[in-house]
Amino acid sequence: MASLALTSPPAVKVPSYLSSSSSSLFSRSSISFSTIEYPSRICVSNSSKCNLPKAVNASIPIINGTTLPKYFDSSSSSSRLEKKPVSSRANTKLKLFSGTANPALSQEIAWYMGLELGKISIKRFADGEVYVQLQESVRGCDVFLVQPTCTPTNENLMELLIMVDACRRASAKKVTAVIPYFGYARADRKTQGRESIAAKLVANLITEAGADRVLACDLHSGQSMGYFDIPVDHVYCQPVILDYLASKSISSEDLVVVSPDVGGVARARAFAKKLSDAPLAIVDKRRHGHNVAEVMNLIGDVKGKVAVMVDDMIDTAGTIVKGAALLHEEGAREVYACCTHAVFSPPAIERLSSGLLQEVIVTNTLPVAEKNYFPQLTILSVANLLGETIWRVHDDSSVSSIFL
């Protein structure tokens, strides 16, 4: 049986809001790492510096002229947001455990929170069955389990369910499933007869396993929260991407936000509103099958502008790349692609590195294998955002105020 071994993630580049000079809200972590060069701009460690050129004063005002979202402002941080020593873990009933899907993100969250990851043994039997044993007491504790249901989706989902069951049977007071990427989220409705609604089924499985709460990042559609019969905290990763865009010298007059399909208009409109109410364009496409997209036409003007395409995920990259090609045909000067979840199913890497995109900006809700790095790729860390959300859930504080 193979045991879970958590190793420290490589320290590489991070956006400005993760640096030591940022606000105190993101200053719990006290661990620093040296910088390792990769062929792409990868940002994951929350205390190392980006090896990017010195940022020019950003000309994209964020949120009606405010440079950063309110929760990045050091003046809004309370004394509770000061650094917590690792030793404080003995005095708290909060326990943080990681599954095998994305241990690097879990470790970053723990560093930010000033905690150590809980000791857990996760093994695979020869026939593929999952074995989970908590190696420390969680009786009466508020337990958070970090496990995105990414590839291999079914194995990671089953592992999460067994972890939840183990915590419940160990008399944990509350169990929160922290799911940075919620698999099956796209199966959220019936588009044809005799189809399943797998998102509802997965929500039922997590609830019946014994979870008391779910914390998820950028769900594919808002109605997925209604599939759970337990509270759901929806974490929006937009502030992380917005802060990174603010570090670029792009004039707001040259900017246009593009939705790659009609279904993402609401998401793109919210993103554009926070970029000084930038103009909006829409790519109209029709699907002929799953993971197959065909671009039809463009609604809006992008001629001579910097187009920022916004989506919740990039899977095979067919939608993004065909949309980028259309934008270039319509006269766009540069095209950026921004998304939260880097699913990157083949042949996504070949498509994204073809040269149509100036930059592909994603987050580390999903682990990206080093073999999938390419020069235009930038990965931003959401560890601090998730860590702060976990603290607020544990303290029974407001989560929505983070995004005001």
Protein backbone atom coordinates (compact mmCIF):
# COMPACT_ATOMS: atom_id res chain seq x y z
CA MET A 1 0.00 0.00 0.00
CA ALA A 2 1.30 3.41 -0.94
CA SER A 3 1.26 6.01 1.82
CA LEU A 4 0.58 9.72 1.38
CA ALA A 5 3.76 11.73 1.62
CA LEU A 6 3.36 15.50 1.77
CA THR A 7 6.32 17.40 0.37
CA SER A 8 6.85 21.13 0.34
CA PRO A 9 5.91 22.73 -2.97
CA PRO A 10 8.62 24.46 -4.99
CA ALA A 11 9.04 28.13 -4.10
CA VAL A 12 8.43 30.15 -7.17
CA LYS A 13 6.97 33.48 -8.19
CA VAL A 14 4.00 35.11 -6.51
CA PRO A 15 1.91 38.21 -7.24
CA SER A 16 2.52 41.43 -5.36
CA TYR A 17 -0.23 40.97 -2.79
CA LEU A 18 1.57 37.89 -1.42
CA SER A 19 4.89 39.67 -0.82
CA SER A 20 6.09 40.65 2.63
CA SER A 21 5.29 44.29 1.93
CA SER A 22 1.61 43.54 1.39
CA SER A 23 -1.18 44.10 3.85
CA SER A 24 -1.19 42.46 7.25
CA LEU A 25 -4.22 40.43 6.35
CA PHE A 26 -1.95 38.19 4.30
CA SER A 27 0.94 38.14 6.75
CA ARG A 28 0.36 35.07 8.93
CA SER A 29 2.95 32.95 7.19
CA SER A 30 6.43 33.15 8.64
CA ILE A 31 8.17 30.68 6.30
CA SER A 32 10.29 31.96 3.43
CA PHE A 33 11.73 30.11 0.46
CA SER A 34 14.35 30.68 -2.18
CA THR A 35 13.23 31.30 -5.74
CA ILE A 36 13.56 28.57 -8.36
CA GLU A 37 13.39 29.50 -12.02
CA TYR A 38 10.88 27.73 -14.25
CA PRO A 39 10.24 28.37 -17.94
CA SER A 40 6.90 29.95 -17.11
CA ARG A 41 5.72 32.57 -14.62
CA ILE A 42 4.47 30.37 -11.81
CA CYS A 43 3.26 31.95 -8.58
CA VAL A 44 2.66 29.67 -5.63
CA SER A 45 4.82 30.40 -2.61
CA ASN A 46 3.39 33.07 -0.35
CA SER A 47 6.60 34.75 0.72
CA SER A 48 9.00 34.63 -2.22
CA LYS A 49 9.30 37.42 -4.76
CA CYS A 50 8.26 37.38 -8.39
CA ASN A 51 11.12 37.61 -10.82
CA LEU A 52 9.07 39.93 -12.98
CA PRO A 53 10.21 43.36 -14.12
CA LYS A 54 9.51 46.03 -11.56
CA ALA A 55 5.83 46.84 -11.79
CA VAL A 56 4.88 50.09 -13.42
CA ASN A 57 2.23 52.12 -11.62
CA ALA A 58 -0.92 50.34 -12.67
CA SER A 59 -3.24 52.35 -14.86
CA ILE A 60 -6.17 49.99 -14.28
CA PRO A 61 -8.10 51.40 -11.31
CA ILE A 62 -9.75 48.52 -9.49
CA ILE A 63 -13.23 48.79 -8.00
CA ASN A 64 -14.27 52.33 -8.75
CA GLY A 65 -10.84 53.90 -8.40
CA THR A 66 -9.65 51.89 -5.40
CA THR A 67 -6.35 50.26 -6.25
CA LEU A 68 -7.04 47.05 -4.36
CA PRO A 69 -10.14 45.33 -2.96
CA LYS A 70 -11.05 46.38 0.55
CA TYR A 71 -9.79 43.23 2.20
CA PHE A 72 -6.28 43.78 0.79
CA ASP A 73 -6.07 47.12 2.58
CA SER A 74 -3.95 46.93 5.71
CA SER A 75 -6.13 49.50 7.42
CA SER A 76 -9.05 47.05 7.36
CA SER A 77 -7.13 44.27 9.11
CA SER A 78 -7.91 43.63 12.75
CA SER A 79 -5.53 42.50 15.43
CA ARG A 80 -6.75 38.96 14.89
CA LEU A 81 -5.07 39.01 11.49
CA GLU A 82 -1.57 39.34 12.92
CA LYS A 83 0.89 36.50 12.47
CA LYS A 84 0.06 33.45 14.51
CA PRO A 85 2.98 31.32 15.70
CA VAL A 86 2.81 27.66 14.82
CA SER A 87 2.78 26.87 18.52
CA SER A 88 -0.69 28.45 18.79
CA ARG A 89 -2.07 25.31 17.19
CA ALA A 90 -2.07 23.61 20.58
CA ASN A 91 -4.52 26.24 21.82
CA THR A 92 -7.03 26.01 19.00
CA LYS A 93 -9.72 23.53 18.13
CA LEU A 94 -9.15 24.10 14.42
CA LYS A 95 -7.61 21.18 12.53
CA LEU A 96 -6.53 21.25 8.89
CA PHE A 97 -6.01 18.06 6.89
CA SER A 98 -4.99 17.51 3.29
CA GLY A 99 -5.99 14.86 0.79
CA THR A 100 -3.67 13.67 -1.95
CA ALA A 101 -5.19 15.78 -4.76
CA ASN A 102 -3.35 19.08 -4.08
CA PRO A 103 -1.06 18.82 -1.03
CA ALA A 104 1.01 21.83 -2.15
CA LEU A 105 -2.00 24.16 -1.85
CA SER A 106 -2.91 22.64 1.52
CA GLN A 107 0.59 23.29 2.82
CA GLU A 108 0.46 26.92 1.68
CA ILE A 109 -2.88 27.40 3.43
CA ALA A 110 -1.39 25.94 6.62
CA TRP A 111 1.64 28.27 6.38
CA TYR A 112 -0.61 31.29 6.02
CA MET A 113 -2.75 30.24 8.99
CA GLY A 114 0.30 29.53 11.17
CA LEU A 115 -0.75 25.91 11.59
CA GLU A 116 0.68 22.51 10.82
CA LEU A 117 -1.21 20.11 8.61
CA GLY A 118 -2.89 17.36 10.60
CA LYS A 119 -1.34 13.90 10.51
CA ILE A 120 -3.28 11.55 8.28
CA SER A 121 -2.54 8.25 6.57
CA ILE A 122 -4.07 7.76 3.11
CA LYS A 123 -3.27 4.53 1.30
CA ARG A 124 -4.39 2.60 -1.77
CA PHE A 125 -4.93 -1.13 -1.64
CA ALA A 126 -3.86 -3.29 -4.54
CA ASP A 127 -7.43 -3.36 -5.89
CA GLY A 128 -7.70 0.45 -5.78
CA GLU A 129 -9.68 0.81 -2.55
CA VAL A 130 -8.87 3.87 -0.42
CA TYR A 131 -7.83 3.60 3.22
CA VAL A 132 -7.87 6.65 5.51
CA GLN A 133 -6.79 6.90 9.14
CA LEU A 134 -6.45 10.09 11.17
CA GLN A 135 -3.27 9.89 13.19
CA GLU A 136 -4.24 12.46 15.80
CA SER A 137 -7.35 13.17 17.84
CA VAL A 138 -10.04 15.43 16.38
CA ARG A 139 -12.61 14.93 19.14
CA GLY A 140 -14.56 18.16 19.60
CA CYS A 141 -12.53 19.94 16.89
CA ASP A 142 -13.52 22.09 13.92
CA VAL A 143 -11.99 20.08 11.06
CA PHE A 144 -11.27 21.39 7.55
CA LEU A 145 -10.44 18.89 4.80
CA VAL A 146 -8.73 20.34 1.71
CA GLN A 147 -9.37 18.17 -1.35
CA PRO A 148 -10.24 19.35 -4.88
CA THR A 149 -12.08 16.74 -6.91
CA CYS A 150 -9.79 16.99 -9.91
CA THR A 151 -8.22 14.32 -12.12
CA PRO A 152 -8.54 11.46 -11.30
CA THR A 153 -11.95 12.84 -10.39
CA ASN A 154 -13.67 9.74 -9.06
CA GLU A 155 -10.69 8.63 -6.93
CA ASN A 156 -10.30 12.07 -5.37
CA LEU A 157 -14.02 12.35 -4.73
CA MET A 158 -14.10 8.96 -3.02
CA GLU A 159 -11.06 9.90 -0.97
CA LEU A 160 -12.83 13.06 0.21
CA LEU A 161 -15.92 11.09 1.21
CA ILE A 162 -13.87 8.60 3.22
CA MET A 163 -11.94 11.44 4.91
CA VAL A 164 -15.23 13.06 5.93
CA ASP A 165 -16.51 9.73 7.26
CA ALA A 166 -13.30 9.16 9.24
CA CYS A 167 -13.62 12.60 10.90
CA ARG A 168 -17.28 12.05 11.74
CA ARG A 169 -16.55 8.67 13.30
CA ALA A 170 -13.68 10.26 15.27
CA SER A 171 -16.18 12.61 16.97
CA ALA A 172 -15.17 15.83 15.24
CA LYS A 173 -17.47 18.67 16.27
CA LYS A 174 -17.76 20.07 12.71
CA VAL A 175 -16.39 18.88 9.39
CA THR A 176 -15.94 21.33 6.51
CA ALA A 177 -15.06 20.05 3.06
CA VAL A 178 -12.77 22.63 1.42
CA ILE A 179 -13.16 21.91 -2.31
CA PRO A 180 -11.11 24.41 -4.34
CA TYR A 181 -12.35 22.73 -7.53
CA PHE A 182 -15.76 21.05 -7.49
CA GLY A 183 -15.80 18.27 -10.07
CA TYR A 184 -19.03 17.44 -11.89
CA ALA A 185 -20.09 21.08 -11.50
CA ARG A 186 -20.78 21.33 -15.23
CA ALA A 187 -23.45 18.62 -14.98
CA ASP A 188 -25.75 21.04 -13.16
CA ARG A 189 -28.90 20.73 -15.30
CA LYS A 190 -30.60 18.61 -17.94
CA THR A 191 -29.96 19.88 -21.45
CA GLN A 192 -31.38 16.76 -23.12
CA GLY A 193 -33.74 14.00 -22.18
CA ARG A 194 -32.62 11.10 -19.97
CA GLU A 195 -29.53 12.94 -18.65
CA SER A 196 -28.33 12.85 -15.05
CA ILE A 197 -27.68 15.90 -12.90
CA ALA A 198 -24.38 14.69 -11.47
CA ALA A 199 -23.69 17.91 -9.53
CA LYS A 200 -26.73 17.23 -7.33
CA LEU A 201 -25.70 13.59 -6.87
CA VAL A 202 -22.18 14.57 -5.74
CA ALA A 203 -23.64 17.18 -3.38
CA ASN A 204 -25.83 14.47 -1.82
CA LEU A 205 -22.84 12.16 -1.43
CA ILE A 206 -20.81 14.80 0.40
CA THR A 207 -23.74 15.64 2.66
CA GLU A 208 -24.56 12.02 3.47
CA ALA A 209 -20.89 11.27 4.19
CA GLY A 210 -21.21 13.64 7.16
CA ALA A 211 -19.90 17.04 6.04
CA ASP A 212 -21.41 19.97 7.95
CA ARG A 213 -20.30 22.68 5.51
CA VAL A 214 -18.72 23.08 2.09
CA LEU A 215 -16.24 25.76 1.05
CA ALA A 216 -15.79 25.94 -2.74
CA CYS A 217 -14.06 28.26 -5.19
CA ASP A 218 -15.75 29.73 -8.27
CA LEU A 219 -18.45 27.17 -8.92
CA HIS A 220 -19.35 26.70 -12.57
CA SER A 221 -22.84 28.02 -11.86
CA GLY A 222 -24.36 29.65 -8.81
CA GLN A 223 -27.29 27.25 -8.63
CA SER A 224 -24.89 24.46 -7.61
CA MET A 225 -24.93 25.91 -4.09
CA GLY A 226 -28.62 25.05 -3.90
CA TYR A 227 -27.88 21.37 -4.50
CA PHE A 228 -26.39 21.07 -1.01
CA ASP A 229 -28.61 20.67 2.04
CA ILE A 230 -25.80 22.11 4.18
CA PRO A 231 -24.26 25.63 4.21
CA VAL A 232 -21.97 26.49 1.29
CA ASP A 233 -19.38 29.29 1.37
CA HIS A 234 -18.61 30.38 -2.18
CA VAL A 235 -15.11 31.87 -2.49
CA TYR A 236 -14.56 34.17 -5.46
CA CYS A 237 -10.98 34.19 -6.75
CA GLN A 238 -11.47 37.33 -8.86
CA PRO A 239 -9.58 39.61 -6.42
CA VAL A 240 -6.42 37.54 -6.90
CA ILE A 241 -6.56 37.92 -10.69
CA LEU A 242 -7.63 41.56 -10.52
CA ASP A 243 -4.67 42.42 -8.31
CA TYR A 244 -2.31 40.78 -10.78
CA LEU A 245 -3.85 42.67 -13.71
CA ALA A 246 -3.51 45.88 -11.73
CA SER A 247 0.26 45.35 -11.72
CA LYS A 248 0.34 45.59 -15.51
CA SER A 249 0.63 48.89 -17.35
CA ILE A 250 -2.60 48.58 -19.32
CA SER A 251 -4.65 51.70 -19.80
CA SER A 252 -8.26 51.27 -18.78
CA GLU A 253 -9.27 52.99 -22.01
CA ASP A 254 -7.63 50.19 -24.02
CA LEU A 255 -9.21 47.38 -22.03
CA VAL A 256 -12.22 45.25 -22.98
CA VAL A 257 -13.47 42.22 -21.03
CA VAL A 258 -14.65 39.31 -23.18
CA SER A 259 -16.98 36.48 -22.25
CA PRO A 260 -16.05 33.35 -24.23
CA ASP A 261 -19.69 32.27 -24.36
CA VAL A 262 -23.16 33.54 -23.59
CA GLY A 263 -23.34 31.50 -20.38
CA GLY A 264 -20.40 33.41 -18.88
CA VAL A 265 -21.79 36.91 -19.46
CA ALA A 266 -22.72 37.48 -15.80
CA ARG A 267 -19.22 36.47 -14.68
CA ALA A 268 -17.55 38.70 -17.28
CA ARG A 269 -19.83 41.64 -16.47
CA ALA A 270 -18.93 41.44 -12.77
CA PHE A 271 -15.24 41.27 -13.70
CA ALA A 272 -15.56 44.26 -16.06
CA LYS A 273 -17.36 46.30 -13.40
CA LYS A 274 -14.37 45.94 -11.08
CA LEU A 275 -12.06 47.09 -13.87
CA SER A 276 -13.48 50.63 -13.88
CA ASP A 277 -16.62 49.38 -15.63
CA ALA A 278 -14.67 48.31 -18.72
CA PRO A 279 -16.64 47.61 -21.92
CA LEU A 280 -17.90 44.08 -22.49
CA ALA A 281 -17.77 41.85 -25.57
CA ILE A 282 -19.30 38.41 -26.05
CA VAL A 283 -18.17 35.50 -28.21
CA ASP A 284 -21.20 33.70 -29.62
CA LYS A 285 -20.58 29.99 -30.17
CA ARG A 286 -22.48 26.78 -30.54
CA ARG A 287 -21.42 23.41 -29.22
CA HIS A 288 -21.73 20.31 -31.38
CA GLY A 289 -20.68 17.97 -28.57
CA HIS A 290 -18.96 17.80 -25.19
CA ASN A 291 -15.53 19.49 -25.20
CA VAL A 292 -16.18 20.64 -28.78
CA ALA A 293 -16.86 24.33 -29.46
CA GLU A 294 -17.34 26.33 -32.63
CA VAL A 295 -17.05 30.10 -32.65
CA MET A 296 -19.72 31.87 -34.64
CA ASN A 297 -19.35 35.64 -34.23
CA LEU A 298 -18.42 38.47 -31.89
CA ILE A 299 -20.78 40.87 -30.14
CA GLY A 300 -18.94 44.09 -29.25
CA ASP A 301 -15.93 46.11 -30.40
CA VAL A 302 -12.35 44.97 -29.70
CA LYS A 303 -10.46 46.71 -32.49
CA GLY A 304 -7.14 48.09 -31.24
CA LYS A 305 -7.90 47.03 -27.65
CA VAL A 306 -6.41 44.64 -25.11
CA ALA A 307 -8.95 41.85 -24.71
CA VAL A 308 -9.20 39.96 -21.41
CA MET A 309 -11.14 36.73 -21.74
CA VAL A 310 -12.67 35.57 -18.43
CA ASP A 311 -13.95 32.08 -17.65
CA ASP A 312 -14.23 29.82 -14.62
CA MET A 313 -12.08 27.04 -16.08
CA ILE A 314 -9.98 25.98 -19.05
CA ASP A 315 -10.48 22.32 -19.94
CA THR A 316 -9.41 21.40 -23.48
CA ALA A 317 -8.98 25.12 -24.31
CA GLY A 318 -11.10 24.86 -27.45
CA THR A 319 -13.40 27.70 -26.39
CA ILE A 320 -10.57 30.01 -25.30
CA VAL A 321 -8.31 29.45 -28.32
CA LYS A 322 -11.07 29.75 -30.93
CA GLY A 323 -12.29 32.86 -29.15
CA ALA A 324 -8.76 34.32 -29.17
CA ALA A 325 -8.45 33.65 -32.90
CA LEU A 326 -11.73 35.48 -33.51
CA LEU A 327 -10.61 38.43 -31.38
CA HIS A 328 -7.40 38.77 -33.40
CA GLU A 329 -9.43 38.64 -36.61
CA GLU A 330 -11.59 41.47 -35.24
CA GLY A 331 -8.51 43.63 -34.59
CA ALA A 332 -7.66 43.03 -30.92
CA ARG A 333 -4.11 44.18 -30.11
CA GLU A 334 -3.46 41.59 -27.38
CA VAL A 335 -5.51 38.79 -25.87
CA TYR A 336 -5.22 37.59 -22.26
CA ALA A 337 -7.01 34.53 -20.88
CA CYS A 338 -7.99 34.48 -17.19
CA CYS A 339 -9.58 31.58 -15.36
CA THR A 340 -9.67 30.09 -11.88
CA HIS A 341 -9.39 26.38 -12.60
CA ALA A 342 -6.62 25.05 -14.86
CA VAL A 343 -8.09 21.67 -15.79
CA PHE A 344 -5.84 21.46 -18.88
CA SER A 345 -7.11 18.25 -20.48
CA PRO A 346 -5.25 17.28 -23.68
CA PRO A 347 -4.74 18.98 -26.09
CA ALA A 348 -5.03 22.16 -23.99
CA ILE A 349 -1.29 22.81 -23.62
CA GLU A 350 -0.65 22.64 -27.37
CA ARG A 351 -3.53 25.01 -28.04
CA LEU A 352 -2.66 27.53 -25.33
CA SER A 353 1.02 27.70 -26.28
CA SER A 354 0.27 28.27 -29.98
CA GLY A 355 0.95 32.02 -29.70
CA LEU A 356 -2.59 33.39 -29.93
CA LEU A 357 -2.58 34.39 -26.25
CA GLN A 358 -0.30 37.01 -24.72
CA GLU A 359 -0.69 35.39 -21.31
CA VAL A 360 -2.74 32.65 -19.67
CA ILE A 361 -3.52 33.56 -16.06
CA VAL A 362 -4.83 30.80 -13.78
CA THR A 363 -4.82 29.96 -10.06
CA ASN A 364 -3.53 26.96 -8.14
CA THR A 365 -6.91 25.53 -7.14
CA LEU A 366 -5.75 22.57 -9.24
CA PRO A 367 -2.17 21.26 -9.35
CA VAL A 368 -0.44 21.92 -12.68
CA ALA A 369 2.23 19.38 -13.54
CA GLU A 370 5.62 20.84 -14.40
CA LYS A 371 5.48 19.15 -17.81
CA ASN A 372 2.44 21.34 -18.58
CA TYR A 373 4.26 24.64 -18.00
CA PHE A 374 4.61 26.88 -21.04
CA PRO A 375 6.04 30.40 -21.45
CA GLN A 376 2.70 32.24 -21.44
CA LEU A 377 1.45 30.56 -18.26
CA THR A 378 1.08 32.44 -14.96
CA ILE A 379 -0.23 30.65 -11.87
CA LEU A 380 -1.44 32.77 -8.95
CA SER A 381 -1.87 31.39 -5.44
CA VAL A 382 -5.26 31.45 -3.70
CA ALA A 383 -3.85 29.97 -0.49
CA ASN A 384 -4.10 33.21 1.49
CA LEU A 385 -7.65 33.81 0.32
CA LEU A 386 -8.69 30.30 1.36
CA GLY A 387 -6.78 30.55 4.61
CA GLU A 388 -8.54 33.78 5.54
CA THR A 389 -11.91 32.27 4.65
CA ILE A 390 -11.23 29.24 6.83
CA TRP A 391 -10.34 31.47 9.79
CA ARG A 392 -13.56 33.44 9.34
CA VAL A 393 -15.69 30.30 9.12
CA HIS A 394 -14.01 28.97 12.26
CA ASP A 395 -14.53 32.28 14.08
CA ASP A 396 -18.16 32.59 12.87
CA SER A 397 -17.22 35.84 11.13
CA SER A 398 -18.51 37.23 7.84
CA VAL A 399 -17.08 35.66 4.68
CA SER A 400 -18.87 37.86 2.17
CA SER A 401 -17.21 40.98 3.63
CA ILE A 402 -13.91 39.73 2.18
CA PHE A 403 -15.16 40.52 -1.30
CA LEU A 404 -16.78 43.91 -0.63
